[in-house]
């Protein structure tokens, strides 16, 4: 969750200078896309992990009968 917050905060930093508060003439596009990719990876991994846990729980319920 902490990493997700840092990635979300990174997106505006790619377009606005944190020291002056002004917009960059050339935005930091690699930083922006890296943050988007990181968020995507976290979301995909968490959904994968949740799906695996649900499958495991379902299997455990079936074997208890």
N, C-alpha and C. Protein backbone atom coordinates (compact mmCIF):
# COMPACT_ATOMS: atom_id res chain seq x y z
N UNK A 1 0.82 -1.19 0.00
CA UNK A 1 0.00 0.00 0.00
C UNK A 1 0.86 1.25 0.00
N UNK A 2 1.95 1.22 0.75
CA UNK A 2 2.84 2.37 0.79
C UNK A 2 3.47 2.61 -0.58
N UNK A 3 3.87 1.54 -1.23
CA UNK A 3 4.47 1.67 -2.55
C UNK A 3 3.46 2.25 -3.54
N UNK A 4 2.20 1.83 -3.42
CA UNK A 4 1.15 2.35 -4.30
C UNK A 4 0.99 3.85 -4.10
N UNK A 5 1.04 4.32 -2.86
CA UNK A 5 0.92 5.76 -2.59
C UNK A 5 2.08 6.52 -3.21
N UNK A 6 3.29 5.99 -3.07
CA UNK A 6 4.45 6.65 -3.68
C UNK A 6 4.32 6.72 -5.20
N UNK A 7 3.81 5.66 -5.81
CA UNK A 7 3.64 5.66 -7.26
C UNK A 7 2.58 6.67 -7.70
N UNK A 8 1.52 6.79 -6.93
CA UNK A 8 0.47 7.76 -7.27
C UNK A 8 1.00 9.18 -7.13
N UNK A 9 1.83 9.44 -6.13
CA UNK A 9 2.41 10.77 -5.94
C UNK A 9 3.43 11.08 -7.03
N UNK A 10 4.06 10.05 -7.59
CA UNK A 10 5.07 10.24 -8.63
C UNK A 10 4.48 10.77 -9.93
N UNK A 11 3.24 10.45 -10.22
CA UNK A 11 2.63 10.87 -11.49
C UNK A 11 2.62 12.39 -11.64
N UNK A 12 2.14 13.17 -10.65
CA UNK A 12 2.20 14.63 -10.82
C UNK A 12 3.62 15.18 -10.84
N UNK A 13 4.54 14.50 -10.15
CA UNK A 13 5.93 14.96 -10.13
C UNK A 13 6.54 14.89 -11.53
N UNK A 14 6.03 14.00 -12.36
CA UNK A 14 6.54 13.90 -13.74
C UNK A 14 6.20 15.14 -14.55
N UNK A 15 5.18 15.89 -14.14
CA UNK A 15 4.76 17.06 -14.90
C UNK A 15 5.02 18.39 -14.19
N UNK A 16 5.12 18.38 -12.85
CA UNK A 16 5.31 19.60 -12.08
C UNK A 16 6.58 19.48 -11.26
N UNK A 17 7.41 20.52 -11.30
CA UNK A 17 8.64 20.53 -10.52
C UNK A 17 8.32 20.67 -9.04
N UNK A 18 8.80 19.75 -8.20
CA UNK A 18 8.49 19.83 -6.77
C UNK A 18 9.17 21.01 -6.08
N UNK A 19 10.27 21.50 -6.62
CA UNK A 19 10.99 22.60 -5.97
C UNK A 19 10.39 23.96 -6.30
N UNK A 20 9.96 24.16 -7.55
CA UNK A 20 9.44 25.47 -7.94
C UNK A 20 7.93 25.48 -8.09
N UNK A 21 7.31 24.35 -8.32
CA UNK A 21 5.87 24.28 -8.50
C UNK A 21 5.41 24.63 -9.90
N UNK A 22 6.36 24.81 -10.81
CA UNK A 22 6.01 25.15 -12.19
C UNK A 22 5.99 23.90 -13.05
N UNK A 23 5.23 23.98 -14.13
CA UNK A 23 5.16 22.87 -15.08
C UNK A 23 6.49 22.76 -15.84
N UNK A 24 6.90 21.53 -16.09
CA UNK A 24 8.09 21.30 -16.91
C UNK A 24 7.77 21.61 -18.36
N UNK A 25 8.77 22.17 -19.10
CA UNK A 25 8.60 22.34 -20.53
C UNK A 25 8.54 20.98 -21.22
N UNK A 26 9.45 20.12 -20.82
CA UNK A 26 9.48 18.74 -21.30
C UNK A 26 9.17 17.84 -20.10
N UNK A 27 7.97 17.29 -20.01
CA UNK A 27 7.64 16.43 -18.86
C UNK A 27 8.53 15.18 -18.82
N UNK A 28 8.70 14.65 -17.65
CA UNK A 28 9.52 13.45 -17.47
C UNK A 28 8.68 12.22 -17.80
N UNK A 29 8.57 11.96 -19.08
CA UNK A 29 7.72 10.88 -19.59
C UNK A 29 8.14 9.50 -19.06
N UNK A 30 9.45 9.17 -19.00
CA UNK A 30 9.81 7.85 -18.45
C UNK A 30 9.36 7.68 -17.00
N UNK A 31 9.42 8.73 -16.22
CA UNK A 31 8.97 8.67 -14.83
C UNK A 31 7.46 8.41 -14.77
N UNK A 32 6.72 9.07 -15.62
CA UNK A 32 5.27 8.90 -15.68
C UNK A 32 4.91 7.47 -16.05
N UNK A 33 5.51 6.95 -17.11
CA UNK A 33 5.18 5.59 -17.55
C UNK A 33 5.66 4.54 -16.57
N UNK A 34 6.76 4.80 -15.86
CA UNK A 34 7.23 3.86 -14.84
C UNK A 34 6.23 3.78 -13.70
N UNK A 35 5.69 4.93 -13.30
CA UNK A 35 4.69 4.94 -12.22
C UNK A 35 3.42 4.20 -12.66
N UNK A 36 2.98 4.43 -13.89
CA UNK A 36 1.79 3.74 -14.40
C UNK A 36 2.04 2.23 -14.46
N UNK A 37 3.22 1.83 -14.91
CA UNK A 37 3.55 0.40 -14.99
C UNK A 37 3.60 -0.22 -13.59
N UNK A 38 4.17 0.49 -12.64
CA UNK A 38 4.23 -0.02 -11.27
C UNK A 38 2.86 -0.21 -10.66
N UNK A 39 1.97 0.75 -10.88
CA UNK A 39 0.60 0.64 -10.38
C UNK A 39 -0.09 -0.56 -11.03
N UNK A 40 0.11 -0.72 -12.33
CA UNK A 40 -0.51 -1.85 -13.04
C UNK A 40 -0.01 -3.18 -12.50
N UNK A 41 1.28 -3.28 -12.27
CA UNK A 41 1.85 -4.53 -11.75
C UNK A 41 1.30 -4.85 -10.37
N UNK A 42 1.18 -3.84 -9.52
CA UNK A 42 0.63 -4.07 -8.18
C UNK A 42 -0.81 -4.54 -8.25
N UNK A 43 -1.61 -3.92 -9.09
CA UNK A 43 -3.02 -4.30 -9.21
C UNK A 43 -3.16 -5.72 -9.77
N UNK A 44 -2.39 -6.03 -10.80
CA UNK A 44 -2.46 -7.36 -11.40
C UNK A 44 -1.99 -8.44 -10.42
N UNK A 45 -0.90 -8.17 -9.70
CA UNK A 45 -0.38 -9.15 -8.75
C UNK A 45 -1.36 -9.38 -7.60
N UNK A 46 -1.95 -8.30 -7.09
CA UNK A 46 -2.88 -8.46 -5.97
C UNK A 46 -4.13 -9.23 -6.40
N UNK A 47 -4.61 -8.98 -7.62
CA UNK A 47 -5.78 -9.74 -8.08
C UNK A 47 -5.42 -11.20 -8.31
N UNK A 48 -4.22 -11.47 -8.80
CA UNK A 48 -3.76 -12.85 -8.99
C UNK A 48 -3.67 -13.57 -7.65
N UNK A 49 -3.10 -12.88 -6.67
CA UNK A 49 -2.94 -13.46 -5.35
C UNK A 49 -4.30 -13.74 -4.70
N UNK A 50 -5.23 -12.82 -4.85
CA UNK A 50 -6.57 -12.99 -4.30
C UNK A 50 -7.29 -14.16 -4.97
N UNK A 51 -7.14 -14.30 -6.29
CA UNK A 51 -7.77 -15.40 -7.01
C UNK A 51 -7.22 -16.74 -6.54
N UNK A 52 -5.90 -16.81 -6.36
CA UNK A 52 -5.29 -18.06 -5.88
C UNK A 52 -5.79 -18.40 -4.48
N UNK A 53 -5.95 -17.39 -3.62
CA UNK A 53 -6.44 -17.63 -2.27
C UNK A 53 -7.87 -18.13 -2.30
N UNK A 54 -8.69 -17.57 -3.18
CA UNK A 54 -10.08 -18.03 -3.30
C UNK A 54 -10.14 -19.47 -3.79
N UNK A 55 -9.26 -19.83 -4.72
CA UNK A 55 -9.23 -21.21 -5.20
C UNK A 55 -8.82 -22.16 -4.08
N UNK A 56 -7.86 -21.74 -3.28
CA UNK A 56 -7.41 -22.56 -2.16
C UNK A 56 -8.52 -22.73 -1.12
N UNK A 57 -9.23 -21.63 -0.82
CA UNK A 57 -10.34 -21.70 0.13
C UNK A 57 -11.46 -22.60 -0.39
N UNK A 58 -11.74 -22.50 -1.67
CA UNK A 58 -12.78 -23.32 -2.27
C UNK A 58 -12.41 -24.80 -2.20
N UNK A 59 -11.16 -25.11 -2.45
CA UNK A 59 -10.68 -26.49 -2.36
C UNK A 59 -10.79 -27.01 -0.93
N UNK A 60 -10.44 -26.17 0.04
CA UNK A 60 -10.52 -26.57 1.45
C UNK A 60 -11.96 -26.83 1.87
N UNK A 61 -12.90 -26.04 1.38
CA UNK A 61 -14.31 -26.25 1.71
C UNK A 61 -14.81 -27.57 1.12
N UNK A 62 -14.36 -27.91 -0.05
CA UNK A 62 -14.80 -29.15 -0.70
C UNK A 62 -14.26 -30.38 0.03
N UNK A 63 -13.03 -30.31 0.51
CA UNK A 63 -12.42 -31.47 1.15
C UNK A 63 -12.94 -31.69 2.57
N UNK A 64 -13.55 -30.71 3.20
CA UNK A 64 -14.05 -30.87 4.56
C UNK A 64 -15.33 -31.68 4.63
N UNK A 65 -16.00 -31.89 3.53
CA UNK A 65 -17.28 -32.62 3.54
C UNK A 65 -17.14 -34.04 3.89
